[in-house]
């Protein structure tokens, strides 16, 4: 009778040991996965900050004017190139609300 109890207890210890090893392995695997995810998060945060800095640099007035001149072939407004438009035969001053 004692031999059966001993075998049952031995089997219980073996099963318990197996589950202990398995849970330890799973805990290490999950810890490694969390660590990798945190590293990826830090990399993404650094990229986000870099992209914000680049966007800020691209949006400066000097940069916008440079792109307008070079890519869009725009130029500054001057009286020499300004044209007035008359609406329905009235002078421009009348169209702006002045007396005809």
Foldseek 3Di string as FASTA:
>chain_A
DVVVVVVVVVVVVVVVVVVVVVVVVVVVVVVVVVVVVVVVVVVVVVVVVVVVVVVVVCPDPVNVVVCCCPVVVDDDDDPVPDDDDDDPPDDRCVVVPDDD
